[in-house]
Amino acid sequence: MLESARMHPSISQLVELQKLDQSAAALRADLDSLPKRLREADTKLHGARAAVAAAKDALTHSLTQRKKLELDVEQWKERARKYRAQSSSVKTNEAYKALQQEIATAEAEASKAEDLVLEQMMAVEEVERRLKRLETELKEAEQVVAAEKKQIETQFGEKKKKLAAATSERETIAKKVPEELLDLYARLSKKHPGSVMAEARGEQCRSCGMRVLPHTLQLLKSEADEEVFRCEGCGRILYSLEPIPHIAPRENANGAANS
């Protein structure tokens, strides 16, 4: 509450209303931002989960490729065994040489396929290591995000309580303000949200910089005046926090102060 000026008795209450409105607006903004923060927290996990899924797909593909290559090895070896079995029954040298050529080709292809199998096994191991690392990183990220979301939810609850308290306090103070002055405050709030009241200090409206007439300033500092003054520039309701001047008592001819 204002401590130094007593202008209109409801001015101090309006200043308190403004403080509560500003606080409530900040709390509402925070509450509105919290769901977005929860979504952003979930988004952080999306990349990590996508990386794990991609690594799992890559592992499946690598294992499939390895099995295919292993099958190729067996097929070439089986072909070489078949040609060897046939070589004992051929009747001519040309046929024998042809089979030997087929055996050599099958064994060479089997050897190439075995090399590819070895390379693919190494690739599978690399993908498995990457998958394990990504799963560990995902688990750590999930723990961090879970803690962050818990903190956000706690903040949400706390801010809701503060907003409810500010709203209740505002209602209590508003009941003490005359209806016509409360209506004026409400109208000005639409034009100047959270900034209806303007301090008059240093012969200026501290909201818009407009000069405040000395007579108005004097009345704002008066203990007896109950008039509401508005800034001629921005229309806000003026108030003063500057000390109220106290007039020293006059002395009589004997040097005693007149009461």
Protein backbone atom coordinates (compact mmCIF):
# COMPACT_ATOMS: atom_id res chain seq x y z
CA MET A 1 0.00 0.00 0.00
CA LEU A 2 1.13 3.60 -0.58
CA GLU A 3 2.58 5.02 2.62
CA SER A 4 3.36 8.64 1.83
CA ALA A 5 0.38 10.04 -0.09
CA ARG A 6 -3.25 10.07 0.91
CA MET A 7 -4.90 11.66 -2.15
CA HIS A 8 -8.06 9.74 -3.00
CA PRO A 9 -8.48 6.92 -0.46
CA SER A 10 -8.88 4.33 -3.23
CA ILE A 11 -5.70 5.24 -5.15
CA SER A 12 -3.53 3.03 -2.98
CA GLN A 13 -5.99 0.19 -3.51
CA LEU A 14 -5.85 0.69 -7.29
CA VAL A 15 -2.06 0.59 -7.16
CA GLU A 16 -2.32 -2.71 -5.33
CA LEU A 17 -4.80 -3.96 -7.93
CA GLN A 18 -2.32 -3.06 -10.65
CA LYS A 19 0.46 -4.96 -8.89
CA LEU A 20 -1.79 -7.98 -8.55
CA ASP A 21 -2.90 -7.71 -12.19
CA GLN A 22 0.73 -7.54 -13.31
CA SER A 23 1.59 -10.55 -11.17
CA ALA A 24 -1.44 -12.48 -12.44
CA ALA A 25 -0.58 -11.65 -16.06
CA ALA A 26 2.97 -12.93 -15.56
CA LEU A 27 1.65 -16.09 -13.90
CA ARG A 28 -0.82 -16.71 -16.72
CA ALA A 29 1.95 -16.23 -19.28
CA ASP A 30 4.08 -18.75 -17.40
CA LEU A 31 1.17 -21.20 -17.18
CA ASP A 32 0.52 -20.83 -20.91
CA SER A 33 4.19 -21.52 -21.66
CA LEU A 34 4.43 -24.67 -19.53
CA PRO A 35 2.52 -27.00 -21.92
CA LYS A 36 4.82 -25.83 -24.70
CA ARG A 37 7.82 -26.62 -22.51
CA LEU A 38 6.41 -30.12 -21.95
CA ARG A 39 6.10 -30.60 -25.70
CA GLU A 40 9.64 -29.32 -26.19
CA ALA A 41 10.87 -31.80 -23.59
CA ASP A 42 9.19 -34.65 -25.49
CA THR A 43 10.70 -33.34 -28.73
CA LYS A 44 14.17 -33.73 -27.23
CA LEU A 45 13.51 -37.47 -27.01
CA HIS A 46 12.18 -37.71 -30.56
CA GLY A 47 15.63 -37.45 -32.12
CA ALA A 48 17.15 -39.97 -29.73
CA ARG A 49 14.30 -42.43 -30.28
CA ALA A 50 14.52 -41.99 -34.05
CA ALA A 51 18.28 -42.69 -33.92
CA VAL A 52 17.70 -45.90 -31.95
CA ALA A 53 14.99 -47.00 -34.38
CA ALA A 54 17.28 -46.30 -37.36
CA ALA A 55 20.11 -48.26 -35.73
CA LYS A 56 17.77 -51.22 -35.13
CA ASP A 57 16.70 -51.13 -38.79
CA ALA A 58 20.34 -50.97 -39.85
CA LEU A 59 21.14 -53.97 -37.64
CA THR A 60 18.25 -55.97 -39.12
CA HIS A 61 19.44 -55.10 -42.62
CA SER A 62 23.04 -56.04 -41.80
CA LEU A 63 21.99 -59.39 -40.32
CA THR A 64 19.86 -60.11 -43.39
CA GLN A 65 22.80 -59.29 -45.65
CA ARG A 66 25.09 -61.54 -43.65
CA LYS A 67 22.67 -64.46 -43.91
CA LYS A 68 22.38 -63.89 -47.66
CA LEU A 69 26.16 -63.91 -48.06
CA GLU A 70 26.46 -67.04 -45.88
CA LEU A 71 23.90 -68.69 -48.14
CA ASP A 72 25.95 -67.66 -51.17
CA VAL A 73 29.02 -69.30 -49.63
CA GLU A 74 27.15 -72.56 -49.10
CA GLN A 75 25.71 -72.46 -52.61
CA TRP A 76 29.15 -71.99 -54.21
CA LYS A 77 30.67 -74.70 -52.03
CA GLU A 78 27.81 -77.04 -52.89
CA ARG A 79 28.37 -76.35 -56.57
CA ALA A 80 32.08 -77.15 -56.20
CA ARG A 81 31.23 -80.43 -54.42
CA LYS A 82 28.79 -81.37 -57.21
CA TYR A 83 31.40 -80.74 -59.91
CA ARG A 84 33.96 -82.85 -58.04
CA ALA A 85 31.48 -85.69 -57.83
CA GLN A 86 30.88 -85.45 -61.57
CA SER A 87 34.57 -85.37 -62.44
CA SER A 88 35.04 -89.07 -61.61
CA SER A 89 32.52 -90.11 -64.24
CA VAL A 90 33.56 -87.97 -67.22
CA LYS A 91 34.92 -89.80 -70.31
CA THR A 92 37.04 -87.14 -72.02
CA ASN A 93 39.87 -84.82 -71.06
CA GLU A 94 37.94 -81.84 -72.40
CA ALA A 95 34.99 -82.61 -70.12
CA TYR A 96 37.35 -83.16 -67.16
CA LYS A 97 39.11 -79.84 -67.77
CA ALA A 98 35.77 -78.09 -68.06
CA LEU A 99 34.66 -79.48 -64.71
CA GLN A 100 37.96 -78.50 -63.11
CA GLN A 101 37.41 -74.97 -64.40
CA GLU A 102 33.91 -74.94 -62.94
CA ILE A 103 35.27 -76.21 -59.59
CA ALA A 104 37.93 -73.49 -59.53
CA THR A 105 35.36 -70.82 -60.34
CA ALA A 106 32.96 -72.07 -57.63
CA GLU A 107 35.72 -72.18 -55.02
CA ALA A 108 36.90 -68.71 -55.99
CA GLU A 109 33.36 -67.34 -55.67
CA ALA A 110 32.93 -69.14 -52.35
CA SER A 111 36.15 -67.52 -51.11
CA LYS A 112 34.96 -64.07 -52.21
CA ALA A 113 31.64 -64.65 -50.49
CA GLU A 114 33.43 -65.72 -47.30
CA ASP A 115 35.43 -62.47 -47.37
CA LEU A 116 32.20 -60.54 -47.77
CA VAL A 117 30.68 -62.49 -44.87
CA LEU A 118 33.65 -61.50 -42.70
CA GLU A 119 33.24 -57.84 -43.70
CA GLN A 120 29.53 -58.02 -43.02
CA MET A 121 30.15 -59.58 -39.59
CA MET A 122 32.40 -56.62 -38.75
CA ALA A 123 29.70 -54.24 -40.00
CA VAL A 124 27.12 -56.00 -37.82
CA GLU A 125 29.39 -55.63 -34.78
CA GLU A 126 29.81 -51.92 -35.52
CA VAL A 127 26.05 -51.43 -35.83
CA GLU A 128 25.51 -53.37 -32.57
CA ARG A 129 27.99 -51.11 -30.77
CA ARG A 130 26.31 -48.01 -32.17
CA LEU A 131 22.89 -49.31 -31.18
CA LYS A 132 24.06 -50.03 -27.64
CA ARG A 133 25.53 -46.52 -27.36
CA LEU A 134 22.36 -44.90 -28.71
CA GLU A 135 20.16 -46.93 -26.36
CA THR A 136 22.30 -45.80 -23.42
CA GLU A 137 22.04 -42.17 -24.57
CA LEU A 138 18.28 -42.54 -24.98
CA LYS A 139 17.91 -43.95 -21.48
CA GLU A 140 19.93 -41.05 -20.05
CA ALA A 141 17.88 -38.54 -22.07
CA GLU A 142 14.64 -40.10 -20.84
CA GLN A 143 15.80 -39.71 -17.24
CA VAL A 144 16.77 -36.07 -17.81
CA VAL A 145 13.50 -35.28 -19.59
CA ALA A 146 11.45 -37.09 -16.92
CA ALA A 147 13.10 -34.93 -14.24
CA GLU A 148 12.53 -31.81 -16.34
CA LYS A 149 8.86 -32.65 -16.90
CA LYS A 150 8.39 -33.33 -13.18
CA GLN A 151 9.90 -29.93 -12.43
CA ILE A 152 7.63 -28.27 -15.00
CA GLU A 153 4.56 -29.99 -13.54
CA THR A 154 5.60 -28.88 -10.04
CA GLN A 155 6.02 -25.30 -11.27
CA PHE A 156 2.61 -25.52 -12.94
CA GLY A 157 0.98 -26.48 -9.64
CA GLU A 158 2.80 -23.77 -7.70
CA LYS A 159 1.94 -21.06 -10.21
CA LYS A 160 -1.72 -22.11 -10.27
CA LYS A 161 -1.82 -21.71 -6.48
CA LYS A 162 -0.14 -18.28 -6.70
CA LEU A 163 -2.58 -17.21 -9.41
CA ALA A 164 -5.54 -18.36 -7.32
CA ALA A 165 -4.17 -16.45 -4.30
CA ALA A 166 -3.57 -13.30 -6.38
CA THR A 167 -7.09 -13.54 -7.85
CA SER A 168 -8.63 -13.94 -4.41
CA GLU A 169 -6.64 -11.02 -3.00
CA ARG A 170 -7.63 -8.88 -5.97
CA GLU A 171 -11.30 -9.62 -5.40
CA THR A 172 -10.95 -8.61 -1.74
CA ILE A 173 -9.29 -5.29 -2.62
CA ALA A 174 -11.66 -4.58 -5.52
CA LYS A 175 -14.64 -4.74 -3.14
CA LYS A 176 -13.23 -1.73 -1.29
CA VAL A 177 -12.99 0.45 -4.42
CA PRO A 178 -16.01 2.58 -5.47
CA GLU A 179 -17.78 1.06 -8.47
CA GLU A 180 -17.29 4.10 -10.74
CA LEU A 181 -13.54 4.14 -10.03
CA LEU A 182 -13.31 0.39 -10.56
CA ASP A 183 -15.11 0.81 -13.90
CA LEU A 184 -12.62 3.51 -14.90
CA TYR A 185 -9.75 1.21 -13.97
CA ALA A 186 -11.30 -1.59 -16.05
CA ARG A 187 -11.72 0.68 -19.09
CA LEU A 188 -8.15 1.93 -18.87
CA SER A 189 -6.91 -1.64 -18.44
CA LYS A 190 -8.15 -2.44 -21.95
CA LYS A 191 -5.99 0.36 -23.35
CA HIS A 192 -3.06 0.00 -20.94
CA PRO A 193 -2.99 -3.63 -19.71
CA GLY A 194 -1.11 -3.81 -16.42
CA SER A 195 -0.26 -0.11 -16.60
CA VAL A 196 -3.32 1.88 -15.56
CA MET A 197 -1.64 3.69 -12.67
CA ALA A 198 1.19 6.13 -13.41
CA GLU A 199 3.52 7.63 -10.82
CA ALA A 200 3.92 11.38 -10.96
CA ARG A 201 7.51 12.16 -10.08
CA GLY A 202 9.89 14.96 -10.99
CA GLU A 203 6.99 16.92 -12.56
CA GLN A 204 6.46 14.11 -15.07
CA CYS A 205 4.17 11.18 -15.71
CA ARG A 206 6.62 8.30 -15.39
CA SER A 207 4.62 6.26 -17.92
CA CYS A 208 4.54 8.61 -20.89
CA GLY A 209 6.83 11.51 -19.90
CA MET A 210 4.07 14.14 -20.08
CA ARG A 211 4.60 17.13 -17.80
CA VAL A 212 2.36 17.17 -14.74
CA LEU A 213 1.21 20.64 -13.67
CA PRO A 214 2.65 21.84 -10.34
CA HIS A 215 -0.85 22.42 -9.00
CA THR A 216 -1.73 18.79 -9.75
CA LEU A 217 1.46 17.59 -8.11
CA GLN A 218 0.68 19.65 -5.02
CA LEU A 219 -2.78 18.15 -4.78
CA LEU A 220 -1.41 14.65 -5.31
CA LYS A 221 0.76 15.21 -2.24
CA SER A 222 -2.04 16.69 -0.18
CA GLU A 223 -3.31 14.77 2.79
CA ALA A 224 -6.82 16.14 2.39
CA ASP A 225 -7.54 16.01 -1.38
CA GLU A 226 -9.72 13.15 -2.55
CA GLU A 227 -9.85 13.94 -6.27
CA VAL A 228 -8.66 11.47 -8.91
CA PHE A 229 -6.21 12.97 -11.40
CA ARG A 230 -5.36 11.56 -14.80
CA CYS A 231 -2.37 12.25 -17.02
CA GLU A 232 -3.23 14.71 -19.80
CA GLY A 233 -0.98 12.74 -22.16
CA CYS A 234 -1.80 9.06 -21.72
CA GLY A 235 -4.93 9.25 -19.55
CA ARG A 236 -3.55 7.02 -16.82
CA ILE A 237 -4.51 7.59 -13.18
CA LEU A 238 -1.79 9.52 -11.40
CA TYR A 239 -0.40 8.89 -7.94
CA SER A 240 2.61 10.13 -6.02
CA LEU A 241 5.12 8.38 -3.81
CA GLU A 242 6.95 11.57 -2.89
CA PRO A 243 6.75 12.57 0.80
CA ILE A 244 3.90 14.80 1.86
CA PRO A 245 5.30 18.19 2.93
CA HIS A 246 4.61 19.08 6.54
CA ILE A 247 4.25 22.77 7.36
CA ALA A 248 6.13 23.82 10.46
CA PRO A 249 3.91 25.42 13.15
CA ARG A 250 4.07 29.23 13.41
CA GLU A 251 5.63 30.77 16.46
CA ASN A 252 3.91 33.53 18.50
CA ALA A 253 5.54 36.67 19.78
CA ASN A 254 6.82 34.86 22.86
CA GLY A 255 8.56 32.23 20.72
CA ALA A 256 6.04 29.51 21.54
CA ALA A 257 4.56 27.47 18.73
CA ASN A 258 0.91 27.98 17.95
CA SER A 259 -1.02 24.77 18.08
